[in-house]
Amino acid sequence: MTGNSNIATGAWPSTLRTMALVGFAFYCMWNLAWLSHGQLAPSILHELTGIPAPTTGMTRSFWSLMQADIIGSLRLNPMTVPMIMLLALTAGHLACRAIQGRSIALGRGLALAWILALSGAWMIKMAMVAVSIS
């Protein structure tokens, strides 16, 4: 293998695709198991490790926002509105690419935006946990 070899031509794409499909299948089964008991599924990360996920509390935060409880929404997850906006932007971007017959993939800008948003949300969530403990 040379130093110039393209990782996309090796076994990585199929391995990553398989891992993504297995992860997605597990995620779907996890959620269906909880929904079958009439409950929303908790965060897998939080259940397995005790570490809050960046999106923990976002559903409750959204419902608080829909009831005009802005303070309650911010207390549950202050990143709800930015994440919803980023999700809408991403959905629009992917829909446009699909309509144009292009591959359905995030551009570098959106991928970076998601990395920054999720990292920021996780740091905020960890800070909120630290404040609630003290």
N, C-alpha and C. Protein backbone atom coordinates (compact mmCIF):
# COMPACT_ATOMS: atom_id res chain seq x y z
N MET A 1 0.85 -1.17 0.00
CA MET A 1 0.00 0.00 0.00
C MET A 1 0.89 1.23 0.00
N THR A 2 0.63 2.18 -0.86
CA THR A 2 1.45 3.39 -0.95
C THR A 2 0.88 4.47 -0.06
N GLY A 3 1.70 5.48 0.17
CA GLY A 3 1.26 6.60 1.00
C GLY A 3 0.15 7.41 0.36
N ASN A 4 0.00 7.30 -0.95
CA ASN A 4 -1.02 8.06 -1.66
C ASN A 4 -2.33 7.31 -1.82
N SER A 5 -2.43 6.10 -1.27
CA SER A 5 -3.65 5.32 -1.49
C SER A 5 -4.86 6.03 -0.90
N ASN A 6 -5.95 5.89 -1.56
CA ASN A 6 -7.19 6.53 -1.15
C ASN A 6 -7.93 5.58 -0.21
N ILE A 7 -8.23 6.06 0.99
CA ILE A 7 -8.91 5.22 1.99
C ILE A 7 -10.29 4.79 1.50
N ALA A 8 -10.89 5.61 0.61
CA ALA A 8 -12.24 5.30 0.11
C ALA A 8 -12.25 4.07 -0.80
N THR A 9 -11.10 3.65 -1.31
CA THR A 9 -11.08 2.49 -2.19
C THR A 9 -10.79 1.20 -1.44
N GLY A 10 -10.45 1.29 -0.17
CA GLY A 10 -10.14 0.09 0.62
C GLY A 10 -11.37 -0.51 1.25
N ALA A 11 -11.14 -1.26 2.32
CA ALA A 11 -12.23 -1.95 3.02
C ALA A 11 -12.99 -1.02 3.97
N TRP A 12 -12.43 0.16 4.26
CA TRP A 12 -13.07 1.05 5.22
C TRP A 12 -14.50 1.43 4.89
N PRO A 13 -14.80 1.83 3.66
CA PRO A 13 -16.19 2.23 3.39
C PRO A 13 -17.20 1.14 3.70
N SER A 14 -16.93 -0.10 3.31
CA SER A 14 -17.90 -1.16 3.58
C SER A 14 -17.94 -1.50 5.07
N THR A 15 -16.80 -1.42 5.74
CA THR A 15 -16.77 -1.67 7.19
C THR A 15 -17.55 -0.59 7.93
N LEU A 16 -17.32 0.66 7.57
CA LEU A 16 -18.04 1.76 8.22
C LEU A 16 -19.53 1.70 7.92
N ARG A 17 -19.87 1.35 6.69
CA ARG A 17 -21.28 1.23 6.31
C ARG A 17 -21.95 0.13 7.14
N THR A 18 -21.27 -0.99 7.30
CA THR A 18 -21.81 -2.10 8.10
C THR A 18 -21.98 -1.68 9.55
N MET A 19 -20.96 -1.01 10.10
CA MET A 19 -21.04 -0.55 11.49
C MET A 19 -22.19 0.44 11.66
N ALA A 20 -22.37 1.33 10.69
CA ALA A 20 -23.46 2.31 10.76
C ALA A 20 -24.82 1.61 10.71
N LEU A 21 -24.96 0.62 9.85
CA LEU A 21 -26.23 -0.11 9.75
C LEU A 21 -26.53 -0.89 11.02
N VAL A 22 -25.52 -1.53 11.59
CA VAL A 22 -25.71 -2.26 12.85
C VAL A 22 -26.09 -1.29 13.96
N GLY A 23 -25.39 -0.16 14.03
CA GLY A 23 -25.71 0.85 15.03
C GLY A 23 -27.13 1.39 14.87
N PHE A 24 -27.51 1.66 13.63
CA PHE A 24 -28.86 2.16 13.36
C PHE A 24 -29.91 1.12 13.72
N ALA A 25 -29.66 -0.13 13.40
CA ALA A 25 -30.60 -1.21 13.75
C ALA A 25 -30.76 -1.30 15.26
N PHE A 26 -29.64 -1.22 16.00
CA PHE A 26 -29.70 -1.26 17.46
C PHE A 26 -30.50 -0.07 17.99
N TYR A 27 -30.23 1.11 17.43
CA TYR A 27 -30.93 2.32 17.85
C TYR A 27 -32.44 2.17 17.62
N CYS A 28 -32.83 1.65 16.46
CA CYS A 28 -34.26 1.44 16.16
C CYS A 28 -34.89 0.44 17.12
N MET A 29 -34.20 -0.67 17.38
CA MET A 29 -34.73 -1.68 18.30
C MET A 29 -34.85 -1.11 19.71
N TRP A 30 -33.86 -0.33 20.13
CA TRP A 30 -33.87 0.31 21.46
C TRP A 30 -35.12 1.18 21.59
N ASN A 31 -35.35 2.02 20.61
CA ASN A 31 -36.50 2.92 20.65
C ASN A 31 -37.82 2.17 20.57
N LEU A 32 -37.90 1.17 19.70
CA LEU A 32 -39.14 0.40 19.58
C LEU A 32 -39.46 -0.35 20.87
N ALA A 33 -38.43 -0.86 21.54
CA ALA A 33 -38.66 -1.57 22.81
C ALA A 33 -39.29 -0.64 23.84
N TRP A 34 -38.79 0.59 23.93
CA TRP A 34 -39.35 1.54 24.89
C TRP A 34 -40.74 2.00 24.46
N LEU A 35 -40.89 2.29 23.16
CA LEU A 35 -42.19 2.74 22.67
C LEU A 35 -43.26 1.68 22.85
N SER A 36 -42.88 0.41 22.75
CA SER A 36 -43.86 -0.67 22.94
C SER A 36 -44.39 -0.71 24.37
N HIS A 37 -43.66 -0.08 25.29
CA HIS A 37 -44.12 0.02 26.68
C HIS A 37 -44.74 1.39 26.97
N GLY A 38 -44.99 2.15 25.90
CA GLY A 38 -45.64 3.45 26.05
C GLY A 38 -44.74 4.54 26.59
N GLN A 39 -43.43 4.38 26.45
CA GLN A 39 -42.49 5.38 26.97
C GLN A 39 -41.53 5.82 25.88
N LEU A 40 -41.04 7.06 26.02
CA LEU A 40 -39.96 7.51 25.14
C LEU A 40 -38.67 6.87 25.61
N ALA A 41 -37.84 6.49 24.68
CA ALA A 41 -36.58 5.83 25.02
C ALA A 41 -35.60 6.83 25.63
N PRO A 42 -34.91 6.43 26.69
CA PRO A 42 -33.86 7.29 27.23
C PRO A 42 -32.63 7.25 26.32
N SER A 43 -31.72 8.14 26.56
CA SER A 43 -30.47 8.17 25.80
C SER A 43 -29.69 6.88 26.03
N ILE A 44 -29.24 6.26 24.95
CA ILE A 44 -28.44 5.04 25.07
C ILE A 44 -27.14 5.36 25.79
N LEU A 45 -26.49 6.47 25.42
CA LEU A 45 -25.23 6.86 26.06
C LEU A 45 -25.41 7.03 27.56
N HIS A 46 -26.47 7.71 27.95
CA HIS A 46 -26.71 7.94 29.38
C HIS A 46 -27.04 6.65 30.11
N GLU A 47 -27.82 5.80 29.50
CA GLU A 47 -28.19 4.52 30.13
C GLU A 47 -26.98 3.61 30.31
N LEU A 48 -26.09 3.58 29.32
CA LEU A 48 -24.94 2.67 29.38
C LEU A 48 -23.77 3.21 30.17
N THR A 49 -23.60 4.55 30.18
CA THR A 49 -22.40 5.12 30.82
C THR A 49 -22.69 6.11 31.94
N GLY A 50 -23.90 6.62 32.00
CA GLY A 50 -24.23 7.65 32.98
C GLY A 50 -23.85 9.05 32.50
N ILE A 51 -23.23 9.14 31.32
CA ILE A 51 -22.84 10.43 30.76
C ILE A 51 -24.02 10.98 29.97
N PRO A 52 -24.44 12.23 30.26
CA PRO A 52 -25.56 12.77 29.49
C PRO A 52 -25.17 13.03 28.04
N ALA A 53 -26.07 12.72 27.14
CA ALA A 53 -25.86 13.00 25.72
C ALA A 53 -26.15 14.47 25.46
N PRO A 54 -25.59 15.03 24.39
CA PRO A 54 -25.84 16.44 24.09
C PRO A 54 -27.31 16.75 23.85
N THR A 55 -28.07 15.76 23.45
CA THR A 55 -29.49 15.98 23.15
C THR A 55 -30.41 15.57 24.29
N THR A 56 -29.85 15.16 25.43
CA THR A 56 -30.67 14.77 26.57
C THR A 56 -31.57 15.93 26.98
N GLY A 57 -32.85 15.67 27.10
CA GLY A 57 -33.81 16.69 27.51
C GLY A 57 -34.37 17.51 26.36
N MET A 58 -33.96 17.21 25.14
CA MET A 58 -34.39 18.03 24.02
C MET A 58 -35.88 17.86 23.71
N THR A 59 -36.42 16.66 23.86
CA THR A 59 -37.84 16.46 23.60
C THR A 59 -38.67 17.25 24.60
N ARG A 60 -38.31 17.14 25.88
CA ARG A 60 -39.03 17.90 26.92
C ARG A 60 -38.83 19.40 26.72
N SER A 61 -37.63 19.79 26.32
CA SER A 61 -37.34 21.20 26.05
C SER A 61 -38.20 21.72 24.91
N PHE A 62 -38.35 20.91 23.86
CA PHE A 62 -39.18 21.30 22.72
C PHE A 62 -40.64 21.47 23.15
N TRP A 63 -41.15 20.52 23.95
CA TRP A 63 -42.54 20.63 24.39
C TRP A 63 -42.74 21.85 25.29
N SER A 64 -41.76 22.16 26.12
CA SER A 64 -41.85 23.37 26.94
C SER A 64 -41.89 24.60 26.05
N LEU A 65 -41.08 24.60 25.02
CA LEU A 65 -41.05 25.71 24.07
C LEU A 65 -42.40 25.85 23.37
N MET A 66 -43.02 24.73 23.01
CA MET A 66 -44.33 24.77 22.34
C MET A 66 -45.42 25.30 23.27
N GLN A 67 -45.19 25.21 24.59
CA GLN A 67 -46.15 25.74 25.56
C GLN A 67 -45.76 27.14 26.01
N ALA A 68 -44.83 27.77 25.27
CA ALA A 68 -44.34 29.12 25.52
C ALA A 68 -43.58 29.24 26.84
N ASP A 69 -43.08 28.14 27.36
CA ASP A 69 -42.26 28.15 28.58
C ASP A 69 -40.78 28.21 28.16
N ILE A 70 -40.34 29.40 27.80
CA ILE A 70 -38.99 29.57 27.27
C ILE A 70 -37.94 29.26 28.33
N ILE A 71 -38.15 29.73 29.55
CA ILE A 71 -37.19 29.48 30.63
C ILE A 71 -37.10 27.98 30.92
N GLY A 72 -38.24 27.31 31.00
CA GLY A 72 -38.24 25.87 31.22
C GLY A 72 -37.54 25.13 30.10
N SER A 73 -37.76 25.58 28.88
CA SER A 73 -37.11 24.96 27.72
C SER A 73 -35.60 25.12 27.81
N LEU A 74 -35.14 26.31 28.15
CA LEU A 74 -33.69 26.56 28.27
C LEU A 74 -33.07 25.75 29.40
N ARG A 75 -33.80 25.57 30.48
CA ARG A 75 -33.28 24.77 31.60
C ARG A 75 -33.10 23.30 31.21
N LEU A 76 -34.01 22.79 30.41
CA LEU A 76 -33.93 21.38 30.00
C LEU A 76 -32.83 21.15 28.98
N ASN A 77 -32.73 22.02 27.99
CA ASN A 77 -31.65 21.93 27.00
C ASN A 77 -31.58 23.24 26.23
N PRO A 78 -30.58 24.07 26.54
CA PRO A 78 -30.47 25.37 25.88
C PRO A 78 -30.13 25.30 24.39
N MET A 79 -29.77 24.14 23.90
CA MET A 79 -29.39 24.00 22.49
C MET A 79 -30.54 23.50 21.61
N THR A 80 -31.75 23.43 22.15
CA THR A 80 -32.87 22.90 21.37
C THR A 80 -33.12 23.72 20.10
N VAL A 81 -33.23 25.03 20.23
CA VAL A 81 -33.54 25.86 19.06
C VAL A 81 -32.40 25.81 18.03
N PRO A 82 -31.13 25.99 18.44
CA PRO A 82 -30.06 25.88 17.43
C PRO A 82 -30.02 24.50 16.75
N MET A 83 -30.27 23.44 17.51
CA MET A 83 -30.24 22.10 16.92
C MET A 83 -31.40 21.90 15.95
N ILE A 84 -32.59 22.41 16.28
CA ILE A 84 -33.73 22.30 15.38
C ILE A 84 -33.45 23.08 14.09
N MET A 85 -32.85 24.26 14.23
CA MET A 85 -32.52 25.06 13.05
C MET A 85 -31.49 24.33 12.18
N LEU A 86 -30.48 23.74 12.80
CA LEU A 86 -29.46 23.01 12.06
C LEU A 86 -30.07 21.76 11.40
N LEU A 87 -30.99 21.11 12.09
CA LEU A 87 -31.66 19.95 11.52
C LEU A 87 -32.48 20.34 10.29
N ALA A 88 -33.20 21.46 10.38
CA ALA A 88 -33.99 21.94 9.24
C ALA A 88 -33.08 22.30 8.06
N LEU A 89 -31.98 22.97 8.35
CA LEU A 89 -31.02 23.33 7.30
C LEU A 89 -30.45 22.07 6.64
N THR A 90 -30.11 21.09 7.46
CA THR A 90 -29.57 19.83 6.93
C THR A 90 -30.60 19.10 6.08
N ALA A 91 -31.83 19.04 6.55
CA ALA A 91 -32.89 18.36 5.79
C ALA A 91 -33.10 19.06 4.44
N GLY A 92 -33.10 20.38 4.45
CA GLY A 92 -33.25 21.13 3.20
C GLY A 92 -32.10 20.88 2.25
N HIS A 93 -30.88 20.87 2.78
CA HIS A 93 -29.69 20.61 1.97
C HIS A 93 -29.75 19.22 1.33
N LEU A 94 -30.08 18.22 2.14
CA LEU A 94 -30.14 16.85 1.63
C LEU A 94 -31.28 16.68 0.62
N ALA A 95 -32.41 17.34 0.86
CA ALA A 95 -33.53 17.26 -0.08
C ALA A 95 -33.14 17.89 -1.42
N CYS A 96 -32.47 19.02 -1.38
CA CYS A 96 -32.02 19.67 -2.62
C CYS A 96 -31.07 18.77 -3.39
N ARG A 97 -30.15 18.14 -2.68
CA ARG A 97 -29.20 17.24 -3.35
C ARG A 97 -29.94 16.06 -3.99
N ALA A 98 -30.94 15.53 -3.28
CA ALA A 98 -31.70 14.39 -3.82
C ALA A 98 -32.49 14.81 -5.06
N ILE A 99 -33.11 15.98 -5.01
CA ILE A 99 -33.89 16.48 -6.15
C ILE A 99 -32.99 16.70 -7.36
N GLN A 100 -31.76 17.14 -7.11
CA GLN A 100 -30.81 17.39 -8.19
C GLN A 100 -30.16 16.10 -8.70
N GLY A 101 -30.48 14.99 -8.07
CA GLY A 101 -29.91 13.71 -8.48
C GLY A 101 -28.47 13.52 -8.03
N ARG A 102 -28.05 14.30 -7.05
CA ARG A 102 -26.69 14.18 -6.52
C ARG A 102 -26.70 13.22 -5.34
N SER A 103 -25.50 12.80 -4.93
CA SER A 103 -25.42 11.90 -3.78
C SER A 103 -25.93 12.62 -2.53
N ILE A 104 -26.62 11.87 -1.70
CA ILE A 104 -27.18 12.45 -0.48
C ILE A 104 -26.09 12.39 0.59
N ALA A 105 -25.38 13.49 0.73
CA ALA A 105 -24.27 13.55 1.67
C ALA A 105 -24.14 14.97 2.20
N LEU A 106 -23.67 15.08 3.44
CA LEU A 106 -23.40 16.39 4.01
C LEU A 106 -22.16 16.98 3.37
N GLY A 107 -22.18 18.27 3.17
CA GLY A 107 -20.97 18.95 2.75
C GLY A 107 -20.07 19.15 3.96
N ARG A 108 -18.86 19.58 3.72
CA ARG A 108 -17.93 19.80 4.84
C ARG A 108 -18.44 20.85 5.82
N GLY A 109 -19.07 21.89 5.28
CA GLY A 109 -19.59 22.95 6.15
C GLY A 109 -20.64 22.45 7.12
N LEU A 110 -21.60 21.68 6.61
CA LEU A 110 -22.65 21.14 7.48
C LEU A 110 -22.09 20.10 8.44
N ALA A 111 -21.17 19.29 7.97
CA ALA A 111 -20.55 18.30 8.86
C ALA A 111 -19.83 19.01 10.01
N LEU A 112 -19.10 20.07 9.69
CA LEU A 112 -18.40 20.84 10.72
C LEU A 112 -19.41 21.51 11.66
N ALA A 113 -20.50 22.03 11.09
CA ALA A 113 -21.53 22.65 11.93
C ALA A 113 -22.11 21.65 12.92
N TRP A 114 -22.36 20.41 12.47
CA TRP A 114 -22.88 19.38 13.37
C TRP A 114 -21.86 19.02 14.44
N ILE A 115 -20.60 18.90 14.06
CA ILE A 115 -19.55 18.58 15.04
C ILE A 115 -19.48 19.67 16.10
N LEU A 116 -19.48 20.93 15.66
CA LEU A 116 -19.40 22.04 16.61
C LEU A 116 -20.65 22.13 17.47
N ALA A 117 -21.83 21.96 16.86
CA ALA A 117 -23.08 22.05 17.61
C ALA A 117 -23.18 20.95 18.66
N LEU A 118 -22.87 19.73 18.27
CA LEU A 118 -22.96 18.62 19.22
C LEU A 118 -21.89 18.73 20.31
N SER A 119 -20.69 19.17 19.94
CA SER A 119 -19.64 19.36 20.94
C SER A 119 -20.02 20.46 21.91
N GLY A 120 -20.53 21.57 21.38
CA GLY A 120 -20.97 22.66 22.24
C GLY A 120 -22.12 22.24 23.14
N ALA A 121 -23.08 21.52 22.58
CA ALA A 121 -24.22 21.05 23.37
C ALA A 121 -23.76 20.10 24.48
N TRP A 122 -22.78 19.25 24.16
CA TRP A 122 -22.29 18.32 25.17
C TRP A 122 -21.57 19.08 26.29
N MET A 123 -20.76 20.09 25.94
CA MET A 123 -20.07 20.87 26.97
C MET A 123 -21.07 21.61 27.85
N ILE A 124 -22.10 22.17 27.23
CA ILE A 124 -23.14 22.86 28.01
C ILE A 124 -23.85 21.88 28.93
N LYS A 125 -24.18 20.70 28.40
CA LYS A 125 -24.87 19.69 29.21
C LYS A 125 -24.00 19.26 30.39
N MET A 126 -22.71 19.04 30.15
CA MET A 126 -21.80 18.66 31.24
C MET A 126 -21.68 19.78 32.27
N ALA A 127 -21.66 21.02 31.83
CA ALA A 127 -21.61 22.16 32.76
C ALA A 127 -22.90 22.21 33.58
N MET A 128 -24.03 21.93 32.95
CA MET A 128 -25.30 21.93 33.68
C MET A 128 -25.31 20.83 34.74
N VAL A 129 -24.75 19.67 34.41
CA VAL A 129 -24.67 18.57 35.38
C VAL A 129 -23.76 18.98 36.54
N ALA A 130 -22.63 19.60 36.22
CA ALA A 130 -21.68 20.02 37.26
C ALA A 130 -22.32 21.04 38.20
N VAL A 131 -23.09 21.97 37.65
CA VAL A 131 -23.75 22.98 38.47
C VAL A 131 -24.82 22.34 39.34
N SER A 132 -25.56 21.37 38.81
CA SER A 132 -26.62 20.73 39.60
C SER A 132 -26.07 19.85 40.71
N ILE A 133 -24.84 19.35 40.53
CA ILE A 133 -24.22 18.52 41.57
C ILE A 133 -23.72 19.38 42.72
N SER A 134 -23.20 20.56 42.39
CA SER A 134 -22.61 21.41 43.45
C SER A 134 -23.64 22.19 44.21
